[in-house]
Protein backbone atom coordinates (compact mmCIF):
# COMPACT_ATOMS: atom_id res chain seq x y z
CA UNK A 1 -0.06 -0.10 0.00
CA UNK A 2 3.41 2.35 1.13
CA UNK A 3 4.63 1.57 -2.10
CA UNK A 4 1.33 2.20 -4.48
CA UNK A 5 1.24 5.58 -2.97
CA UNK A 6 4.55 6.57 -3.36
CA UNK A 7 4.25 5.45 -6.97
CA UNK A 8 0.63 7.46 -7.34
CA UNK A 9 1.97 10.24 -5.82
CA UNK A 10 5.18 10.84 -8.28
CA UNK A 11 2.41 10.20 -10.71
CA UNK A 12 0.52 13.09 -9.59
CA UNK A 13 3.64 15.21 -9.27
CA UNK A 14 4.79 14.51 -13.24
CA UNK A 15 1.00 15.41 -14.14
CA UNK A 16 1.27 18.63 -11.99
CA UNK A 17 4.35 19.23 -13.79
CA UNK A 18 3.25 19.04 -17.41
CA UNK A 19 -0.01 20.79 -16.38
CA UNK A 20 2.06 23.80 -15.44
CA UNK A 21 3.92 23.48 -18.52
CA UNK A 22 0.80 24.00 -20.49
CA UNK A 23 -0.69 26.38 -19.08
CA UNK A 24 2.53 28.69 -19.21
CA UNK A 25 2.33 27.53 -22.76
CA UNK A 26 -1.42 28.72 -22.67
CA UNK A 27 -0.59 31.92 -21.08
CA UNK A 28 2.14 32.89 -23.67
CA UNK A 29 2.64 36.78 -24.30
CA UNK A 30 0.49 38.88 -26.92
CA UNK A 31 0.62 37.40 -30.18
CA UNK A 32 3.27 39.04 -32.26
CA UNK A 33 3.15 39.46 -36.39
CA UNK A 34 4.99 36.44 -37.65
CA UNK A 35 5.80 35.99 -41.30
CA UNK A 36 7.42 33.10 -43.11
CA UNK A 37 8.75 32.29 -46.80
CA UNK A 38 11.21 30.12 -48.75
CA UNK A 39 12.44 30.41 -52.52
CA UNK A 40 14.29 28.41 -54.46
CA UNK A 41 17.85 29.67 -55.05
CA UNK A 42 19.29 26.43 -57.08
CA UNK A 43 21.95 27.94 -59.82
CA UNK A 44 20.51 27.37 -63.38
CA UNK A 45 23.37 26.60 -65.10
CA UNK A 46 26.85 25.05 -63.91
CA UNK A 47 28.95 27.47 -61.54
CA UNK A 48 32.21 27.07 -60.00
CA UNK A 49 31.53 25.73 -56.39
CA UNK A 50 32.67 27.37 -52.97
CA UNK A 51 35.07 25.56 -51.21
CA UNK A 52 37.88 22.91 -51.97
CA UNK A 53 40.60 24.55 -53.93
CA UNK A 54 40.90 21.51 -55.58
CA UNK A 55 37.94 22.22 -57.71
CA UNK A 56 38.50 24.35 -60.68
CA UNK A 57 35.51 22.93 -63.33
CA UNK A 58 32.30 24.05 -62.75
CA UNK A 59 29.72 21.56 -60.93
CA UNK A 60 28.27 18.64 -63.39
CA UNK A 61 24.65 18.37 -62.48
CA UNK A 62 22.44 19.24 -59.32
CA UNK A 63 22.76 16.53 -56.86
CA UNK A 64 19.74 18.61 -54.01
CA UNK A 65 17.79 21.56 -54.71
CA UNK A 66 19.28 25.01 -52.78
CA UNK A 67 16.63 27.05 -50.88
CA UNK A 68 16.86 30.66 -48.56
CA UNK A 69 13.84 31.16 -46.18
CA UNK A 70 13.10 34.24 -44.10
CA UNK A 71 11.47 34.69 -41.17
CA UNK A 72 9.91 38.17 -40.30
CA UNK A 73 8.91 38.71 -36.52
CA UNK A 74 7.12 42.28 -35.29
CA UNK A 75 5.24 45.14 -37.41
CA UNK A 76 6.56 48.06 -38.86
CA UNK A 77 5.63 50.51 -35.97
CA UNK A 78 8.10 51.06 -33.10
CA UNK A 79 11.58 49.50 -33.69
CA UNK A 80 10.46 47.81 -36.90
CA UNK A 81 10.19 44.01 -37.68
CA UNK A 82 13.53 41.61 -37.28
CA UNK A 83 14.34 39.05 -40.41
CA UNK A 84 16.21 36.19 -40.06
CA UNK A 85 17.27 34.85 -43.46
CA UNK A 86 18.97 31.62 -43.88
CA UNK A 87 20.32 30.61 -47.12
CA UNK A 88 22.38 27.30 -48.27
CA UNK A 89 24.84 29.00 -49.70
CA UNK A 90 28.67 28.68 -48.85
CA UNK A 91 28.97 33.04 -48.47
CA UNK A 92 26.74 35.33 -49.42
CA UNK A 93 28.68 38.27 -50.20
CA UNK A 94 28.57 40.88 -48.32
CA UNK A 95 27.22 43.22 -51.39
CA UNK A 96 24.64 41.15 -51.98
CA UNK A 97 23.09 41.10 -48.13
CA UNK A 98 23.28 45.32 -48.82
CA UNK A 99 21.54 45.37 -51.76
CA UNK A 100 19.09 42.88 -50.05
CA UNK A 101 18.62 45.28 -47.23
CA UNK A 102 18.31 48.54 -49.38
CA UNK A 103 15.56 46.93 -51.43
CA UNK A 104 13.68 45.93 -48.80
CA UNK A 105 14.37 49.38 -46.97
CA UNK A 106 12.24 51.15 -50.08
CA UNK A 107 9.39 49.11 -48.77
CA UNK A 108 9.54 48.70 -44.94
CA UNK A 109 11.94 50.33 -42.14
CA UNK A 110 13.92 47.57 -41.22
CA UNK A 111 17.41 48.16 -39.57
CA UNK A 112 20.59 46.73 -40.23
CA UNK A 113 20.93 45.15 -36.72
CA UNK A 114 17.44 43.66 -37.60
CA UNK A 115 18.38 41.61 -40.13
CA UNK A 116 20.64 39.17 -40.23
CA UNK A 117 21.72 36.76 -43.27
CA UNK A 118 22.22 33.23 -42.04
CA UNK A 119 24.93 31.41 -44.17
CA UNK A 120 24.65 27.41 -44.20
CA UNK A 121 28.64 27.81 -45.55
CA UNK A 122 27.83 24.72 -47.78
CA UNK A 123 30.98 23.30 -49.69
CA UNK A 124 28.49 22.15 -52.77
CA UNK A 125 27.15 25.32 -54.06
CA UNK A 126 28.16 28.57 -56.26
CA UNK A 127 31.43 29.98 -55.08
CA UNK A 128 30.33 33.87 -54.91
CA UNK A 129 32.90 34.38 -52.43
CA UNK A 130 35.74 33.97 -55.26
CA UNK A 131 33.50 35.42 -58.44
CA UNK A 132 36.56 38.26 -58.30
CA UNK A 133 39.04 35.73 -59.26
CA UNK A 134 37.41 34.04 -61.49
CA UNK A 135 37.23 35.01 -65.47
CA UNK A 136 35.68 34.16 -68.98
CA UNK A 137 32.42 32.16 -68.86
CA UNK A 138 33.19 30.48 -65.38
CA UNK A 139 32.50 34.23 -64.09
CA UNK A 140 29.66 34.81 -66.38
CA UNK A 141 27.29 32.22 -65.08
CA UNK A 142 28.57 33.42 -61.06
CA UNK A 143 27.65 36.92 -62.14
CA UNK A 144 24.65 36.21 -63.38
CA UNK A 145 23.37 33.52 -60.62
CA UNK A 146 24.74 36.45 -58.01
CA UNK A 147 21.76 38.40 -59.66
CA UNK A 148 19.51 35.81 -59.34
CA UNK A 149 20.04 35.15 -56.09
CA UNK A 150 19.57 38.67 -55.04
CA UNK A 151 16.02 38.83 -56.59
CA UNK A 152 15.40 35.53 -54.85
CA UNK A 153 16.90 36.69 -51.43
CA UNK A 154 14.62 39.77 -51.77
CA UNK A 155 11.52 38.05 -52.82
CA UNK A 156 11.78 35.64 -49.63
CA UNK A 157 12.11 38.61 -47.17
CA UNK A 158 9.38 40.03 -49.07
CA UNK A 159 7.31 37.34 -48.74
CA UNK A 160 7.72 37.02 -45.11
CA UNK A 161 7.04 40.17 -44.34
CA UNK A 162 3.66 40.61 -46.71
CA UNK A 163 2.47 37.29 -45.30
CA UNK A 164 2.96 38.70 -41.50
CA UNK A 165 -0.36 37.64 -39.34
CA UNK A 166 -0.76 37.18 -35.67
CA UNK A 167 1.32 34.40 -34.30
CA UNK A 168 3.24 33.27 -31.14
CA UNK A 169 6.99 32.30 -30.37
CA UNK A 170 8.62 29.53 -28.11
CA UNK A 171 12.20 27.71 -27.99
CA UNK A 172 13.30 24.59 -26.30
CA UNK A 173 17.18 22.44 -26.57
CA UNK A 174 17.68 19.18 -27.97
CA UNK A 175 20.91 17.34 -28.71
CA UNK A 176 22.46 15.89 -31.96
CA UNK A 177 25.90 13.71 -32.12
CA UNK A 178 27.04 13.79 -35.52
CA UNK A 179 29.44 16.66 -35.05
CA UNK A 180 33.08 16.12 -34.51
CA UNK A 181 35.92 18.15 -33.63
CA UNK A 182 38.08 17.57 -36.99
CA UNK A 183 41.59 18.97 -35.38
CA UNK A 184 43.76 16.01 -34.91
CA UNK A 185 46.84 16.44 -32.86
CA UNK A 186 50.26 15.03 -32.20
CA UNK A 187 52.55 16.21 -29.33
CA UNK A 188 49.89 19.14 -28.97
CA UNK A 189 50.02 20.45 -32.18
CA UNK A 190 47.56 20.57 -35.44
CA UNK A 191 48.63 17.30 -37.59
CA UNK A 192 45.74 17.41 -39.73
CA UNK A 193 42.16 16.54 -40.19
CA UNK A 194 39.87 13.98 -38.74
CA UNK A 195 37.44 13.26 -36.20
CA UNK A 196 38.70 13.68 -32.74
CA UNK A 197 35.05 12.52 -30.46
CA UNK A 198 36.66 13.48 -27.32
CA UNK A 199 37.89 16.95 -28.22
CA UNK A 200 35.62 20.47 -27.72
CA UNK A 201 32.40 20.68 -29.30
CA UNK A 202 28.73 21.95 -28.95
CA UNK A 203 26.30 18.99 -30.02
CA UNK A 204 23.50 21.28 -28.89
CA UNK A 205 20.58 21.93 -30.98
CA UNK A 206 18.44 25.07 -29.89
CA UNK A 207 14.54 25.09 -31.50
CA UNK A 208 12.60 28.39 -32.29
CA UNK A 209 9.13 27.07 -33.10
CA UNK A 210 6.71 29.87 -35.09
CA UNK A 211 2.83 28.84 -34.60
CA UNK A 212 -0.04 30.71 -36.00
CA UNK A 213 -2.87 32.04 -33.36
CA UNK A 214 -4.70 29.17 -34.09
CA UNK A 215 -2.09 26.90 -32.80
CA UNK A 216 -1.12 25.48 -36.05
CA UNK A 217 2.64 25.26 -36.91
CA UNK A 218 3.93 27.35 -39.16
CA UNK A 219 8.01 27.38 -38.87
CA UNK A 220 11.04 26.04 -37.23
CA UNK A 221 14.40 27.18 -36.72
CA UNK A 222 17.34 25.21 -35.55
CA UNK A 223 20.79 25.64 -35.07
CA UNK A 224 23.62 23.22 -34.97
CA UNK A 225 27.40 23.76 -34.52
CA UNK A 226 29.04 21.92 -37.72
CA UNK A 227 30.87 22.67 -40.88
CA UNK A 228 28.37 21.63 -44.06
CA UNK A 229 31.41 19.34 -45.43
CA UNK A 230 29.72 15.86 -45.66
CA UNK A 231 30.64 16.22 -49.49
CA UNK A 232 34.17 16.86 -50.03
CA UNK A 233 36.43 17.92 -52.99
CA UNK A 234 35.79 15.37 -54.99
CA UNK A 235 31.99 15.61 -55.13
CA UNK A 236 31.04 18.29 -58.35
CA UNK A 237 27.26 17.95 -58.18
CA UNK A 238 25.29 21.00 -56.46
CA UNK A 239 24.13 20.03 -52.94
CA UNK A 240 22.94 21.42 -49.78
CA UNK A 241 24.87 18.91 -47.74
CA UNK A 242 23.19 18.21 -44.32
CA UNK A 243 21.14 21.38 -43.81
CA UNK A 244 19.38 21.36 -46.98
CA UNK A 245 18.73 17.34 -45.98
CA UNK A 246 17.40 18.43 -41.95
CA UNK A 247 15.51 21.01 -43.99
CA UNK A 248 13.81 18.37 -46.09
CA UNK A 249 13.10 15.76 -43.27
CA UNK A 250 11.76 18.38 -41.40
CA UNK A 251 9.12 19.67 -43.72
CA UNK A 252 8.68 15.92 -44.87
CA UNK A 253 7.69 14.97 -41.40
CA UNK A 254 5.17 18.01 -40.97
CA UNK A 255 3.16 18.83 -44.81
CA UNK A 256 2.98 22.98 -44.63
CA UNK A 257 6.02 23.91 -41.96
CA UNK A 258 9.12 25.80 -43.34
CA UNK A 259 12.44 24.40 -42.18
CA UNK A 260 15.38 26.60 -41.44
CA UNK A 261 19.13 26.23 -40.57
CA UNK A 262 21.52 28.55 -38.85
CA UNK A 263 24.86 27.18 -37.79
CA UNK A 264 26.69 27.58 -34.83
CA UNK A 265 30.43 27.69 -34.03
CA UNK A 266 31.60 24.85 -35.65
CA UNK A 267 34.66 25.98 -37.45
CA UNK A 268 36.54 23.00 -36.08
CA UNK A 269 34.06 20.74 -36.37
CA UNK A 270 33.04 18.55 -39.35
CA UNK A 271 29.99 15.88 -39.55
CA UNK A 272 31.35 12.29 -38.86
CA UNK A 273 30.97 10.00 -40.75
CA UNK A 274 31.53 11.83 -44.12
CA UNK A 275 31.34 11.47 -47.68
CA UNK A 276 28.10 10.94 -49.65
CA UNK A 277 24.95 12.13 -50.15
CA UNK A 278 23.23 8.95 -48.39
CA UNK A 279 25.66 10.40 -45.61
CA UNK A 280 24.09 13.81 -45.32
CA UNK A 281 20.51 12.51 -45.52
CA UNK A 282 21.45 10.48 -42.28
CA UNK A 283 22.49 13.47 -40.25
CA UNK A 284 19.60 15.54 -41.70
CA UNK A 285 17.52 12.61 -40.82
CA UNK A 286 19.41 12.62 -37.40
CA UNK A 287 18.63 17.02 -36.70
CA UNK A 288 14.67 16.08 -37.88
CA UNK A 289 14.28 13.07 -35.44
CA UNK A 290 15.51 15.06 -32.63
CA UNK A 291 12.98 17.86 -33.77
CA UNK A 292 10.00 15.64 -34.14
CA UNK A 293 11.06 14.40 -30.28
CA UNK A 294 11.10 18.12 -29.07
CA UNK A 295 7.76 19.24 -30.67
CA UNK A 296 6.09 16.89 -28.96
CA UNK A 297 7.68 18.07 -25.68
CA UNK A 298 7.44 21.20 -23.19
CA UNK A 299 8.36 25.07 -25.08
CA UNK A 300 9.27 27.80 -23.37
CA UNK A 301 6.64 30.80 -24.57
CA UNK A 302 8.78 34.00 -26.14
CA UNK A 303 7.84 37.67 -25.98
CA UNK A 304 7.26 39.19 -29.55
CA UNK A 305 9.07 42.07 -28.61
CA UNK A 306 12.83 41.79 -30.20
CA UNK A 307 15.77 44.14 -29.06
CA UNK A 308 18.24 44.12 -31.30
CA UNK A 309 22.04 45.60 -31.14
CA UNK A 310 25.48 45.26 -32.99
CA UNK A 311 28.40 46.69 -32.92
CA UNK A 312 31.53 45.92 -35.56
CA UNK A 313 35.19 45.52 -34.36
CA UNK A 314 37.52 46.82 -36.53
CA UNK A 315 40.93 44.74 -36.62
CA UNK A 316 43.53 47.32 -37.29
CA UNK A 317 46.49 45.68 -39.39
CA UNK A 318 49.75 45.18 -37.87
CA UNK A 319 52.51 47.51 -39.30
CA UNK A 320 54.15 46.58 -42.31
CA UNK A 321 57.20 44.61 -42.10
CA UNK A 322 60.42 45.54 -43.59
CA UNK A 323 60.97 44.39 -47.25
CA UNK A 324 63.30 41.43 -46.32
CA UNK A 325 61.23 39.90 -43.81
CA UNK A 326 57.88 40.43 -45.42
CA UNK A 327 59.76 38.44 -48.47
CA UNK A 328 60.27 36.22 -46.02
CA UNK A 329 57.29 35.80 -44.84
CA UNK A 330 55.25 35.79 -48.44
CA UNK A 331 57.18 32.44 -48.86
CA UNK A 332 55.13 30.70 -45.82
CA UNK A 333 52.11 32.80 -45.34
CA UNK A 334 49.01 33.73 -47.61
CA UNK A 335 48.81 37.17 -45.87
CA UNK A 336 52.04 37.93 -46.44
CA UNK A 337 52.05 36.80 -50.18
CA UNK A 338 49.12 39.16 -50.75
CA UNK A 339 50.49 42.13 -49.06
CA UNK A 340 53.58 41.73 -50.93
CA UNK A 341 51.66 41.50 -54.04
CA UNK A 342 49.87 44.66 -53.16
CA UNK A 343 53.01 46.90 -52.63
CA UNK A 344 54.36 45.56 -55.79
CA UNK A 345 51.12 46.71 -57.80
CA UNK A 346 51.09 49.92 -55.95
CA UNK A 347 47.78 49.65 -54.28
CA UNK A 348 46.72 51.31 -51.20
CA UNK A 349 47.25 48.73 -48.21
CA UNK A 350 44.03 47.90 -45.79
CA UNK A 351 43.56 49.30 -42.97
CA UNK A 352 41.17 47.44 -40.35
CA UNK A 353 39.27 44.02 -40.72
CA UNK A 354 35.67 43.99 -39.65
CA UNK A 355 34.31 41.50 -37.25
CA UNK A 356 30.30 41.95 -36.79
CA UNK A 357 28.39 40.92 -33.67
CA UNK A 358 24.86 41.53 -33.37
CA UNK A 359 22.13 40.10 -30.14
CA UNK A 360 18.82 39.47 -30.28
CA UNK A 361 17.19 39.17 -27.22
CA UNK A 362 13.63 38.53 -26.64
CA UNK A 363 12.67 39.59 -22.85
CA UNK A 364 14.50 37.85 -20.71
CA UNK A 365 13.78 34.29 -22.30
CA UNK A 366 15.97 34.22 -24.80
CA UNK A 367 19.24 35.66 -26.16
CA UNK A 368 20.76 35.09 -29.88
CA UNK A 369 24.32 35.60 -30.52
CA UNK A 370 25.61 36.48 -34.52
CA UNK A 371 28.78 35.85 -35.25
CA UNK A 372 29.85 36.82 -38.86
CA UNK A 373 32.91 34.68 -40.30
CA UNK A 374 33.85 31.15 -39.18
CA UNK A 375 34.22 31.38 -35.48
CA UNK A 376 35.59 28.03 -33.22
CA UNK A 377 33.73 25.97 -30.34
CA UNK A 378 35.65 27.64 -27.77
CA UNK A 379 33.59 31.09 -28.23
CA UNK A 380 30.43 29.57 -27.88
CA UNK A 381 31.68 26.99 -24.60
CA UNK A 382 33.06 29.78 -22.91
CA UNK A 383 29.81 32.18 -23.41
CA UNK A 384 27.68 29.23 -22.02
CA UNK A 385 29.84 28.67 -18.97
CA UNK A 386 29.48 32.73 -18.17
CA UNK A 387 25.86 33.20 -19.34
CA UNK A 388 23.07 31.21 -18.99
CA UNK A 389 23.41 28.52 -21.32
CA UNK A 390 19.53 27.72 -20.94
CA UNK A 391 18.81 30.97 -22.15
CA UNK A 392 21.36 31.38 -24.66
CA UNK A 393 21.49 30.71 -28.66
CA UNK A 394 24.72 31.15 -30.66
CA UNK A 395 25.20 31.27 -34.48
CA UNK A 396 28.20 31.79 -36.60
CA UNK A 397 28.82 32.09 -40.18
CA UNK A 398 25.79 35.15 -40.51
CA UNK A 399 26.58 37.96 -42.63
CA UNK A 400 30.63 38.13 -43.85
CA UNK A 401 32.49 34.77 -44.06
CA UNK A 402 35.94 35.45 -44.96
CA UNK A 403 38.29 34.15 -42.31
CA UNK A 404 38.61 32.01 -39.24
CA UNK A 405 38.12 33.29 -35.67
CA UNK A 406 40.36 30.99 -33.44
CA UNK A 407 40.97 30.75 -29.84
CA UNK A 408 43.29 30.85 -27.20
CA UNK A 409 43.49 27.20 -27.49
CA UNK A 410 43.98 27.06 -30.96
CA UNK A 411 46.87 29.55 -31.65
CA UNK A 412 48.86 27.25 -28.96
CA UNK A 413 48.02 24.09 -31.41
CA UNK A 414 48.67 25.86 -34.67
CA UNK A 415 47.30 24.67 -38.12
CA UNK A 416 45.12 24.85 -40.62
CA UNK A 417 42.30 27.68 -39.27
CA UNK A 418 45.10 29.39 -37.58
CA UNK A 419 46.66 29.68 -40.54
CA UNK A 420 43.86 31.30 -42.65
CA UNK A 421 42.37 33.27 -39.50
CA UNK A 422 41.48 37.22 -39.11
CA UNK A 423 44.08 37.19 -36.90
CA UNK A 424 47.11 35.65 -39.42
CA UNK A 425 45.72 38.11 -41.86
CA UNK A 426 46.15 41.06 -39.89
CA UNK A 427 49.51 40.40 -38.54
CA UNK A 428 50.82 38.50 -41.94
CA UNK A 429 50.63 35.18 -41.07
CA UNK A 430 51.92 35.81 -37.41
CA UNK A 431 48.52 35.10 -35.26
CA UNK A 432 50.06 34.98 -31.97
CA UNK A 433 51.42 38.66 -32.13
CA UNK A 434 47.59 40.29 -32.58
CA UNK A 435 47.09 41.92 -29.02
CA UNK A 436 44.69 41.92 -27.48
CA UNK A 437 43.88 38.60 -28.87
CA UNK A 438 40.58 37.88 -30.87
CA UNK A 439 39.01 35.82 -27.95
CA UNK A 440 39.49 38.42 -25.60
CA UNK A 441 38.04 41.28 -27.61
CA UNK A 442 34.74 39.33 -28.80
CA UNK A 443 33.81 38.24 -25.55
CA UNK A 444 33.73 41.35 -23.98
CA UNK A 445 31.87 42.94 -26.97
CA UNK A 446 29.33 40.35 -26.44
CA UNK A 447 29.16 41.28 -22.98
CA UNK A 448 28.69 45.02 -23.64
CA UNK A 449 26.01 43.92 -26.00
CA UNK A 450 23.77 40.95 -23.90
CA UNK A 451 21.90 42.46 -20.65
CA UNK A 452 22.94 41.76 -17.39
CA UNK A 453 19.97 39.50 -16.90
CA UNK A 454 21.39 37.12 -18.48
CA UNK A 455 24.84 36.19 -16.64
CA UNK A 456 24.88 32.85 -14.94
CA UNK A 457 23.65 32.19 -11.81
CA UNK A 458 27.29 31.09 -9.68
CA UNK A 459 25.62 28.78 -8.19
CA UNK A 460 24.25 26.78 -10.54
CA UNK A 461 26.30 23.94 -11.29
């Protein structure tokens, strides 16, 4: 009898918790205007592909469609709407992002800090970032695609803004396991690429749910910290990698929903295993299965008022080395070689490089941090140790994607990401000489943007 009473009491307690969660959801904030739209951005001709330098010919077909999706939150009054735009692209050039914003601003009061372009950093799509270095017919094809992409991104944002209706936002977090740190070390130093299961990685899967006022699911946005590099340099067809497969699987599971994927601080993480379209589908299915599980569970309601803040760190270049030293650097450093070429051509030398940070906050319930460029996992892990990880969403690859943003850990280890980092660029191949280090600059800048209410309670585990 006592045992039955304990079990029954436990059951009642669980039911009370579930009831409280459901009551909380029912008592969500006032409806907020929300709109969502998705467009196809697959190139219509063969194009040079993004990523692997070994590919010097154009794509040889389409193995998977590419898409862009826009989520618009809020009305045109007050601070205006906030728009999240996800793109199945290696890197949308800053010039295209600015054109899209300017064209939208002709009809809607959209502020720069409230317009976030999230690149999937897909390595099997068009190479728009490298277009300036490509000539002939290949350049013509990319230029035509750039115009096509600009028009379709405008179309996606405009449709999302025009389709806004009262709805609700809520969020939760899950976990997916296929991301693996890719930096293999030997005696504490970088020795190549591989899968290192015990090395740092962020496998969390935050999920934003968008529903209509009638409760119908309209969209889900997920964030995962992993390169879209399941497909390697020997693959020569257009494909959106795991992020595109995740969207397809989520939308197949829930017809009528729009799925969107942003990428976290996964610059030193690769999908594991990798190599085939089937593995892209496997990883996408893993994301979709976790989304399906999360959709059945409790969510935290979010207020619709998005507070947006943004800052740009201008990282000044180091003084130009003496000629003999620069010539020596140019033999081992891409940054040194570029500087030497600029000098020889008599061109103006760069003065600084930008790094952008934006923060969106939904009351005290959720803070979204958006980094430009390719940011390694240590930034997300440090932020989640200093701020409340249960209310934090960290994305990279937003806006410009030009350089790696490395941490103190990687500087000590050296290797690929370090040699191709913003730190190496502005110091002409000597990233350890950047002072203060990028890690310290960035974390201080985030601290200035995030409300103090998101600080982690030191007494919590």
